[in-house]
């Protein structure tokens, strides 16, 4: 697997975005499982960080995280072309 260093940021984005609207319990469980298996951590603190966040605020934070930790912005620029 290439670029595994991006995995935590990508999983964080998925987990947090899942909490901005109607929550999908299966996505929560899969993300929690992945955090436990890959990083030896759970999503409890991450879930606390999501409480009280508006969708817009969460999306801004996720965008910043992905720009700093991944090449997602580059991907989106190529995808739009």
C-alpha atoms as a PDB file:
ATOM      1  CA  UNK A   1       0.000   0.000   0.000  1.00  0.00           C
ATOM      2  CA  UNK A   2       1.410   3.360  -1.005  1.00  0.00           C
ATOM      3  CA  UNK A   3       1.103   6.634   0.894  1.00  0.00           C
ATOM      4  CA  UNK A   4      -0.151   5.044   4.081  1.00  0.00           C
ATOM      5  CA  UNK A   5       0.930   8.192   5.933  1.00  0.00           C
ATOM      6  CA  UNK A   6      -2.208   9.829   4.516  1.00  0.00           C
ATOM      7  CA  UNK A   7      -4.528   7.173   5.948  1.00  0.00           C
ATOM      8  CA  UNK A   8      -5.107   8.821   9.325  1.00  0.00           C
ATOM      9  CA  UNK A   9      -6.042  12.190   7.796  1.00  0.00           C
ATOM     10  CA  UNK A  10      -8.368  10.538   5.280  1.00  0.00           C
ATOM     11  CA  UNK A  11     -10.087   8.438   7.946  1.00  0.00           C
ATOM     12  CA  UNK A  12     -10.412  11.504  10.171  1.00  0.00           C
ATOM     13  CA  UNK A  13     -12.076  13.389   7.315  1.00  0.00           C
ATOM     14  CA  UNK A  14     -14.531  10.557   6.653  1.00  0.00           C
ATOM     15  CA  UNK A  15     -15.361  10.148  10.336  1.00  0.00           C
ATOM     16  CA  UNK A  16     -15.918  13.871  10.934  1.00  0.00           C
ATOM     17  CA  UNK A  17     -17.882  14.487   7.747  1.00  0.00           C
ATOM     18  CA  UNK A  18     -20.121  11.580   8.681  1.00  0.00           C
ATOM     19  CA  UNK A  19     -21.070  13.551  11.793  1.00  0.00           C
ATOM     20  CA  UNK A  20     -22.119  16.718   9.945  1.00  0.00           C
ATOM     21  CA  UNK A  21     -25.451  15.369   8.782  1.00  0.00           C
ATOM     22  CA  UNK A  22     -27.417  12.218   9.297  1.00  0.00           C
ATOM     23  CA  UNK A  23     -24.922   9.913  10.957  1.00  0.00           C
ATOM     24  CA  UNK A  24     -24.266   6.502   9.426  1.00  0.00           C
ATOM     25  CA  UNK A  25     -23.559   4.078  12.276  1.00  0.00           C
ATOM     26  CA  UNK A  26     -21.776   1.632   9.979  1.00  0.00           C
ATOM     27  CA  UNK A  27     -19.316   4.318   8.821  1.00  0.00           C
ATOM     28  CA  UNK A  28     -18.677   5.223  12.481  1.00  0.00           C
ATOM     29  CA  UNK A  29     -17.950   1.589  13.323  1.00  0.00           C
ATOM     30  CA  UNK A  30     -15.695   1.033  10.313  1.00  0.00           C
ATOM     31  CA  UNK A  31     -13.718   4.203  11.079  1.00  0.00           C
ATOM     32  CA  UNK A  32     -13.398   3.281  14.751  1.00  0.00           C
ATOM     33  CA  UNK A  33     -12.226  -0.214  13.793  1.00  0.00           C
ATOM     34  CA  UNK A  34      -9.660   1.235  11.351  1.00  0.00           C
ATOM     35  CA  UNK A  35      -8.314   3.668  13.960  1.00  0.00           C
ATOM     36  CA  UNK A  36      -7.977   0.839  16.480  1.00  0.00           C
ATOM     37  CA  UNK A  37      -6.312  -1.589  14.049  1.00  0.00           C
ATOM     38  CA  UNK A  38      -4.040   0.820  12.183  1.00  0.00           C
ATOM     39  CA  UNK A  39      -3.115   3.321  14.868  1.00  0.00           C
ATOM     40  CA  UNK A  40      -3.896   1.671  18.211  1.00  0.00           C
ATOM     41  CA  UNK A  41      -6.348   4.474  18.984  1.00  0.00           C
ATOM     42  CA  UNK A  42     -10.089   4.970  19.078  1.00  0.00           C
ATOM     43  CA  UNK A  43     -12.350   7.765  17.892  1.00  0.00           C
ATOM     44  CA  UNK A  44     -13.606   8.989  21.283  1.00  0.00           C
ATOM     45  CA  UNK A  45     -11.516  12.189  21.353  1.00  0.00           C
ATOM     46  CA  UNK A  46     -12.211  12.787  17.679  1.00  0.00           C
ATOM     47  CA  UNK A  47     -15.939  12.435  18.347  1.00  0.00           C
ATOM     48  CA  UNK A  48     -15.699  15.012  21.147  1.00  0.00           C
ATOM     49  CA  UNK A  49     -14.003  17.440  18.759  1.00  0.00           C
ATOM     50  CA  UNK A  50     -16.975  17.135  16.399  1.00  0.00           C
ATOM     51  CA  UNK A  51     -19.591  18.096  19.004  1.00  0.00           C
ATOM     52  CA  UNK A  52     -21.134  21.498  18.423  1.00  0.00           C
ATOM     53  CA  UNK A  53     -19.430  22.046  15.085  1.00  0.00           C
ATOM     54  CA  UNK A  54     -21.477  23.381  12.199  1.00  0.00           C
ATOM     55  CA  UNK A  55     -21.213  21.608   8.874  1.00  0.00           C
ATOM     56  CA  UNK A  56     -19.426  24.617   7.369  1.00  0.00           C
ATOM     57  CA  UNK A  57     -16.886  24.835  10.207  1.00  0.00           C
ATOM     58  CA  UNK A  58     -16.233  21.098  10.022  1.00  0.00           C
ATOM     59  CA  UNK A  59     -15.750  21.236   6.254  1.00  0.00           C
ATOM     60  CA  UNK A  60     -13.246  24.098   6.618  1.00  0.00           C
ATOM     61  CA  UNK A  61     -11.240  22.168   9.193  1.00  0.00           C
ATOM     62  CA  UNK A  62     -11.330  19.003   7.095  1.00  0.00           C
ATOM     63  CA  UNK A  63     -10.192  20.905   4.006  1.00  0.00           C
ATOM     64  CA  UNK A  64      -7.269  22.373   5.947  1.00  0.00           C
ATOM     65  CA  UNK A  65      -6.349  18.953   7.361  1.00  0.00           C
ATOM     66  CA  UNK A  66      -6.419  17.316   3.942  1.00  0.00           C
ATOM     67  CA  UNK A  67      -4.360  20.117   2.397  1.00  0.00           C
ATOM     68  CA  UNK A  68      -1.709  19.786   5.115  1.00  0.00           C
ATOM     69  CA  UNK A  69      -1.553  16.003   5.394  1.00  0.00           C
ATOM     70  CA  UNK A  70      -2.464  14.662   1.937  1.00  0.00           C
ATOM     71  CA  UNK A  71      -2.369  15.411  -1.761  1.00  0.00           C
ATOM     72  CA  UNK A  72      -6.175  15.571  -1.944  1.00  0.00           C
ATOM     73  CA  UNK A  73      -6.151  19.175  -3.200  1.00  0.00           C
ATOM     74  CA  UNK A  74      -3.913  18.167  -6.108  1.00  0.00           C
ATOM     75  CA  UNK A  75      -6.237  15.246  -6.814  1.00  0.00           C
ATOM     76  CA  UNK A  76      -9.268  17.540  -6.866  1.00  0.00           C
ATOM     77  CA  UNK A  77      -7.518  19.958  -9.222  1.00  0.00           C
ATOM     78  CA  UNK A  78      -6.723  17.088 -11.591  1.00  0.00           C
ATOM     79  CA  UNK A  79     -10.221  15.641 -11.221  1.00  0.00           C
ATOM     80  CA  UNK A  80     -11.839  18.943 -12.182  1.00  0.00           C
ATOM     81  CA  UNK A  81      -9.669  19.250 -15.302  1.00  0.00           C
END
